[in-house]
């Protein structure tokens, strides 16, 4: 997806007509810049519970952007339940690239991470 497509998706996410629960953007060449664009809309969305971002070009910076977005959603009472990020460019030593039950999972629970993220 290019910047224009990500902006279109981001603009649609806060709409009252957007009733998506699962958003699958896997394998779309999404990088950190496009993650930031998508998160701008995702933060204002109240329906998406599951976000699939595997096999993109997201680095540690993008993972941090997603983490902050998910945390803000939780603070506003509409938490994202799971984010899948397998096959991105993020350093697995810093982030697992997975979120379970509304919280980002770090290497301290590697067995759960392997089950859900690899």
N, C-alpha and C. Protein backbone atom coordinates (compact mmCIF):
# COMPACT_ATOMS: atom_id res chain seq x y z
N UNK A 1 0.84 -1.19 0.00
CA UNK A 1 0.00 0.00 0.00
C UNK A 1 0.87 1.24 0.00
N UNK A 2 0.51 2.21 -0.79
CA UNK A 2 1.23 3.47 -0.81
C UNK A 2 0.69 4.43 0.23
N UNK A 3 1.30 5.61 0.29
CA UNK A 3 0.87 6.62 1.26
C UNK A 3 -0.59 7.02 1.05
N UNK A 4 -0.99 7.19 -0.21
CA UNK A 4 -2.36 7.61 -0.49
C UNK A 4 -3.37 6.57 -0.01
N UNK A 5 -3.07 5.31 -0.24
CA UNK A 5 -3.98 4.25 0.19
C UNK A 5 -4.05 4.18 1.72
N UNK A 6 -2.92 4.33 2.37
CA UNK A 6 -2.90 4.33 3.84
C UNK A 6 -3.67 5.51 4.41
N UNK A 7 -3.55 6.66 3.76
CA UNK A 7 -4.32 7.83 4.19
C UNK A 7 -5.81 7.60 4.02
N UNK A 8 -6.20 6.96 2.92
CA UNK A 8 -7.62 6.66 2.68
C UNK A 8 -8.16 5.74 3.77
N UNK A 9 -7.40 4.70 4.10
CA UNK A 9 -7.81 3.78 5.16
C UNK A 9 -7.88 4.52 6.49
N UNK A 10 -6.85 5.29 6.79
CA UNK A 10 -6.80 6.04 8.05
C UNK A 10 -7.99 6.99 8.18
N UNK A 11 -8.34 7.65 7.10
CA UNK A 11 -9.47 8.58 7.12
C UNK A 11 -10.80 7.86 7.34
N UNK A 12 -10.90 6.62 6.85
CA UNK A 12 -12.15 5.87 6.97
C UNK A 12 -12.33 5.24 8.34
N UNK A 13 -11.24 4.93 9.03
CA UNK A 13 -11.33 4.19 10.29
C UNK A 13 -12.16 4.88 11.37
N UNK A 14 -12.09 6.21 11.54
CA UNK A 14 -12.89 6.85 12.59
C UNK A 14 -14.37 7.01 12.24
N UNK A 15 -14.74 6.74 11.01
CA UNK A 15 -16.11 6.93 10.55
C UNK A 15 -17.09 6.06 11.33
N UNK A 16 -18.28 6.59 11.58
CA UNK A 16 -19.33 5.83 12.25
C UNK A 16 -19.76 4.63 11.41
N UNK A 17 -19.55 4.71 10.11
CA UNK A 17 -19.91 3.61 9.21
C UNK A 17 -18.89 2.48 9.24
N UNK A 18 -17.72 2.72 9.84
CA UNK A 18 -16.68 1.70 9.91
C UNK A 18 -16.97 0.77 11.08
N UNK A 19 -17.40 -0.44 10.75
CA UNK A 19 -17.73 -1.42 11.78
C UNK A 19 -16.77 -2.61 11.76
N UNK A 20 -15.58 -2.40 11.22
CA UNK A 20 -14.59 -3.48 11.16
C UNK A 20 -14.18 -3.93 12.55
N UNK A 21 -14.03 -5.22 12.70
CA UNK A 21 -13.50 -5.79 13.94
C UNK A 21 -12.09 -6.30 13.70
N UNK A 22 -11.84 -6.79 12.49
CA UNK A 22 -10.54 -7.37 12.12
C UNK A 22 -10.02 -6.62 10.90
N UNK A 23 -8.82 -6.05 11.01
CA UNK A 23 -8.20 -5.35 9.89
C UNK A 23 -6.92 -6.08 9.52
N UNK A 24 -6.91 -6.67 8.32
CA UNK A 24 -5.76 -7.44 7.84
C UNK A 24 -5.04 -6.64 6.77
N UNK A 25 -3.86 -6.14 7.12
CA UNK A 25 -3.01 -5.41 6.19
C UNK A 25 -1.68 -6.12 6.01
N UNK A 26 -1.69 -7.41 6.17
CA UNK A 26 -0.45 -8.19 6.04
C UNK A 26 0.04 -8.19 4.60
N UNK A 27 1.36 -8.22 4.46
CA UNK A 27 1.98 -8.33 3.15
C UNK A 27 1.74 -7.15 2.23
N UNK A 28 1.67 -5.96 2.77
CA UNK A 28 1.37 -4.77 1.96
C UNK A 28 2.50 -3.76 1.90
N UNK A 29 3.72 -4.17 2.23
CA UNK A 29 4.88 -3.27 2.16
C UNK A 29 4.72 -2.03 3.04
N UNK A 30 3.99 -2.16 4.14
CA UNK A 30 3.78 -1.04 5.05
C UNK A 30 5.06 -0.81 5.84
N UNK A 31 5.53 0.43 5.84
CA UNK A 31 6.73 0.80 6.58
C UNK A 31 6.33 1.70 7.75
N UNK A 32 7.33 2.21 8.46
CA UNK A 32 7.08 3.01 9.66
C UNK A 32 6.27 4.27 9.37
N UNK A 33 6.56 4.92 8.24
CA UNK A 33 5.83 6.14 7.88
C UNK A 33 4.35 5.83 7.66
N UNK A 34 4.07 4.74 6.98
CA UNK A 34 2.68 4.36 6.72
C UNK A 34 1.99 3.87 7.99
N UNK A 35 2.75 3.26 8.90
CA UNK A 35 2.18 2.85 10.20
C UNK A 35 1.69 4.08 10.94
N UNK A 36 2.48 5.15 10.92
CA UNK A 36 2.08 6.38 11.60
C UNK A 36 0.79 6.94 11.02
N UNK A 37 0.67 6.90 9.70
CA UNK A 37 -0.55 7.37 9.03
C UNK A 37 -1.74 6.51 9.45
N UNK A 38 -1.58 5.19 9.42
CA UNK A 38 -2.66 4.29 9.80
C UNK A 38 -3.06 4.47 11.26
N UNK A 39 -2.07 4.65 12.13
CA UNK A 39 -2.36 4.78 13.56
C UNK A 39 -3.14 6.06 13.86
N UNK A 40 -2.96 7.09 13.06
CA UNK A 40 -3.73 8.32 13.27
C UNK A 40 -5.23 8.04 13.20
N UNK A 41 -5.63 7.18 12.28
CA UNK A 41 -7.03 6.81 12.18
C UNK A 41 -7.43 5.73 13.16
N UNK A 42 -6.53 4.79 13.39
CA UNK A 42 -6.82 3.68 14.30
C UNK A 42 -7.06 4.17 15.72
N UNK A 43 -6.37 5.21 16.14
CA UNK A 43 -6.56 5.76 17.49
C UNK A 43 -7.98 6.26 17.70
N UNK A 44 -8.61 6.71 16.63
CA UNK A 44 -9.97 7.26 16.73
C UNK A 44 -11.05 6.23 16.44
N UNK A 45 -10.64 5.03 16.06
CA UNK A 45 -11.58 3.95 15.77
C UNK A 45 -11.95 3.24 17.07
N UNK A 46 -13.18 2.81 17.18
CA UNK A 46 -13.60 2.13 18.41
C UNK A 46 -14.00 0.67 18.19
N UNK A 47 -13.93 0.18 16.96
CA UNK A 47 -14.44 -1.16 16.68
C UNK A 47 -13.36 -2.21 16.42
N UNK A 48 -12.22 -1.82 15.86
CA UNK A 48 -11.20 -2.81 15.50
C UNK A 48 -10.59 -3.41 16.76
N UNK A 49 -10.66 -4.73 16.84
CA UNK A 49 -10.11 -5.47 17.98
C UNK A 49 -8.88 -6.28 17.60
N UNK A 50 -8.75 -6.61 16.32
CA UNK A 50 -7.66 -7.46 15.85
C UNK A 50 -6.99 -6.80 14.65
N UNK A 51 -5.67 -6.65 14.73
CA UNK A 51 -4.90 -5.97 13.69
C UNK A 51 -3.79 -6.88 13.19
N UNK A 52 -3.83 -7.23 11.92
CA UNK A 52 -2.85 -8.12 11.30
C UNK A 52 -1.91 -7.28 10.44
N UNK A 53 -0.65 -7.19 10.89
CA UNK A 53 0.36 -6.41 10.17
C UNK A 53 1.59 -7.24 9.84
N UNK A 54 1.45 -8.54 9.76
CA UNK A 54 2.58 -9.42 9.47
C UNK A 54 3.11 -9.19 8.06
N UNK A 55 4.40 -9.51 7.89
CA UNK A 55 5.05 -9.50 6.58
C UNK A 55 4.99 -8.15 5.88
N UNK A 56 5.34 -7.12 6.64
CA UNK A 56 5.47 -5.78 6.09
C UNK A 56 6.91 -5.32 6.30
N UNK A 57 7.15 -4.03 6.35
CA UNK A 57 8.50 -3.48 6.52
C UNK A 57 8.59 -2.61 7.76
N UNK A 58 7.96 -3.05 8.82
CA UNK A 58 7.88 -2.28 10.05
C UNK A 58 9.11 -2.54 10.91
N UNK A 59 9.78 -1.47 11.32
CA UNK A 59 10.97 -1.57 12.16
C UNK A 59 10.61 -1.30 13.62
N UNK A 60 11.62 -1.21 14.47
CA UNK A 60 11.41 -0.94 15.89
C UNK A 60 10.61 0.35 16.10
N UNK A 61 10.91 1.36 15.30
CA UNK A 61 10.21 2.63 15.41
C UNK A 61 8.72 2.47 15.14
N UNK A 62 8.38 1.70 14.13
CA UNK A 62 6.98 1.45 13.81
C UNK A 62 6.27 0.65 14.88
N UNK A 63 6.99 -0.31 15.46
CA UNK A 63 6.40 -1.10 16.56
C UNK A 63 6.09 -0.17 17.73
N UNK A 64 6.97 0.76 18.02
CA UNK A 64 6.73 1.71 19.11
C UNK A 64 5.51 2.58 18.81
N UNK A 65 5.36 2.99 17.54
CA UNK A 65 4.19 3.78 17.14
C UNK A 65 2.91 2.98 17.36
N UNK A 66 2.93 1.72 16.95
CA UNK A 66 1.76 0.85 17.13
C UNK A 66 1.47 0.66 18.61
N UNK A 67 2.50 0.43 19.39
CA UNK A 67 2.34 0.23 20.83
C UNK A 67 1.68 1.45 21.46
N UNK A 68 2.15 2.65 21.11
CA UNK A 68 1.56 3.87 21.67
C UNK A 68 0.10 4.03 21.24
N UNK A 69 -0.18 3.71 20.00
CA UNK A 69 -1.56 3.78 19.49
C UNK A 69 -2.47 2.83 20.25
N UNK A 70 -2.01 1.60 20.44
CA UNK A 70 -2.80 0.59 21.15
C UNK A 70 -3.02 1.02 22.60
N UNK A 71 -2.00 1.57 23.22
CA UNK A 71 -2.13 2.04 24.60
C UNK A 71 -3.14 3.18 24.70
N UNK A 72 -3.12 4.10 23.74
CA UNK A 72 -4.10 5.19 23.76
C UNK A 72 -5.52 4.66 23.58
N UNK A 73 -5.68 3.68 22.70
CA UNK A 73 -7.00 3.07 22.51
C UNK A 73 -7.49 2.44 23.81
N UNK A 74 -6.60 1.77 24.51
CA UNK A 74 -6.98 1.14 25.79
C UNK A 74 -7.38 2.21 26.81
N UNK A 75 -6.64 3.30 26.85
CA UNK A 75 -6.95 4.39 27.77
C UNK A 75 -8.33 4.99 27.48
N UNK A 76 -8.72 4.98 26.22
CA UNK A 76 -10.01 5.54 25.82
C UNK A 76 -11.16 4.54 25.93
N UNK A 77 -10.86 3.32 26.36
CA UNK A 77 -11.89 2.34 26.59
C UNK A 77 -12.28 1.49 25.39
N UNK A 78 -11.48 1.52 24.33
CA UNK A 78 -11.77 0.67 23.17
C UNK A 78 -10.49 -0.08 22.77
N UNK A 79 -10.06 -1.01 23.62
CA UNK A 79 -8.76 -1.65 23.41
C UNK A 79 -8.72 -2.57 22.19
N UNK A 80 -7.55 -2.60 21.57
CA UNK A 80 -7.25 -3.60 20.55
C UNK A 80 -6.86 -4.85 21.32
N UNK A 81 -7.40 -5.99 20.94
CA UNK A 81 -7.13 -7.23 21.67
C UNK A 81 -5.85 -7.92 21.23
N UNK A 82 -5.58 -7.93 19.91
CA UNK A 82 -4.37 -8.59 19.42
C UNK A 82 -3.82 -7.88 18.20
N UNK A 83 -2.50 -7.85 18.12
CA UNK A 83 -1.79 -7.34 16.95
C UNK A 83 -0.79 -8.41 16.54
N UNK A 84 -0.83 -8.80 15.28
CA UNK A 84 0.13 -9.76 14.75
C UNK A 84 1.13 -9.02 13.90
N UNK A 85 2.44 -9.29 14.12
CA UNK A 85 3.48 -8.58 13.38
C UNK A 85 4.62 -9.48 12.94
N UNK A 86 4.37 -10.74 12.76
CA UNK A 86 5.40 -11.68 12.32
C UNK A 86 5.96 -11.25 10.97
N UNK A 87 7.27 -11.43 10.79
CA UNK A 87 7.89 -11.19 9.49
C UNK A 87 8.14 -9.74 9.15
N UNK A 88 8.29 -8.89 10.15
CA UNK A 88 8.64 -7.50 9.91
C UNK A 88 10.13 -7.29 10.18
N UNK A 89 10.59 -6.06 10.14
CA UNK A 89 12.00 -5.74 10.31
C UNK A 89 12.37 -5.36 11.73
N UNK A 90 11.42 -5.39 12.64
CA UNK A 90 11.68 -5.04 14.03
C UNK A 90 12.65 -6.03 14.65
N UNK A 91 13.51 -5.53 15.51
CA UNK A 91 14.51 -6.36 16.19
C UNK A 91 13.82 -7.20 17.25
N UNK A 92 13.81 -8.53 17.09
CA UNK A 92 13.12 -9.38 18.07
C UNK A 92 13.74 -9.31 19.47
N UNK A 93 14.97 -8.82 19.57
CA UNK A 93 15.58 -8.68 20.89
C UNK A 93 14.94 -7.53 21.67
N UNK A 94 14.35 -6.59 20.95
CA UNK A 94 13.73 -5.44 21.60
C UNK A 94 12.21 -5.60 21.75
N UNK A 95 11.59 -6.15 20.72
CA UNK A 95 10.14 -6.33 20.72
C UNK A 95 9.82 -7.71 20.18
N UNK A 96 8.80 -8.28 20.71
CA UNK A 96 8.37 -9.56 20.17
C UNK A 96 7.54 -9.36 18.92
N UNK A 97 6.97 -8.18 18.76
CA UNK A 97 6.10 -7.94 17.62
C UNK A 97 4.72 -8.52 17.81
N UNK A 98 4.33 -8.73 19.04
CA UNK A 98 3.01 -9.31 19.27
C UNK A 98 2.39 -8.68 20.51
N UNK A 99 1.08 -8.62 20.51
CA UNK A 99 0.36 -8.11 21.66
C UNK A 99 -0.72 -9.12 22.01
N UNK A 100 -0.83 -9.43 23.26
CA UNK A 100 -1.84 -10.38 23.72
C UNK A 100 -2.68 -9.75 24.82
N UNK A 101 -3.98 -9.91 24.72
CA UNK A 101 -4.89 -9.45 25.76
C UNK A 101 -4.71 -7.97 26.10
N UNK A 102 -4.49 -7.15 25.07
CA UNK A 102 -4.40 -5.72 25.28
C UNK A 102 -3.05 -5.22 25.78
N UNK A 103 -2.06 -6.10 25.93
CA UNK A 103 -0.76 -5.66 26.39
C UNK A 103 0.32 -6.20 25.46
N UNK A 104 1.31 -5.36 25.17
CA UNK A 104 2.42 -5.83 24.36
C UNK A 104 3.20 -6.86 25.16
N UNK A 105 3.60 -7.90 24.48
CA UNK A 105 4.34 -8.98 25.12
C UNK A 105 5.82 -8.83 24.81
N UNK A 106 6.64 -8.89 25.80
CA UNK A 106 8.08 -8.77 25.62
C UNK A 106 8.73 -10.13 25.80
N UNK A 107 10.02 -10.19 25.57
CA UNK A 107 10.75 -11.46 25.57
C UNK A 107 10.61 -12.24 26.87
N UNK A 108 10.18 -11.61 27.92
CA UNK A 108 10.06 -12.31 29.20
C UNK A 108 9.02 -13.43 29.16
N UNK A 109 8.15 -13.40 28.19
CA UNK A 109 7.17 -14.49 28.07
C UNK A 109 7.31 -15.12 26.68
N UNK A 110 8.52 -15.55 26.37
CA UNK A 110 8.85 -16.02 25.03
C UNK A 110 8.04 -17.24 24.60
N UNK A 111 7.63 -18.09 25.51
CA UNK A 111 6.85 -19.25 25.10
C UNK A 111 5.50 -18.84 24.54
N UNK A 112 4.86 -17.85 25.14
CA UNK A 112 3.59 -17.37 24.64
C UNK A 112 3.81 -16.68 23.31
N UNK A 113 4.88 -15.93 23.20
CA UNK A 113 5.20 -15.22 21.97
C UNK A 113 5.37 -16.19 20.82
N UNK A 114 6.13 -17.25 21.04
CA UNK A 114 6.34 -18.24 19.99
C UNK A 114 5.04 -18.85 19.54
N UNK A 115 4.14 -19.10 20.46
CA UNK A 115 2.86 -19.71 20.12
C UNK A 115 2.02 -18.80 19.26
N UNK A 116 1.97 -17.50 19.59
CA UNK A 116 1.07 -16.59 18.91
C UNK A 116 1.70 -15.73 17.82
N UNK A 117 3.01 -15.56 17.85
CA UNK A 117 3.63 -14.59 16.96
C UNK A 117 4.54 -15.19 15.91
N UNK A 118 4.93 -16.42 16.04
CA UNK A 118 5.90 -16.97 15.08
C UNK A 118 5.29 -17.93 14.12
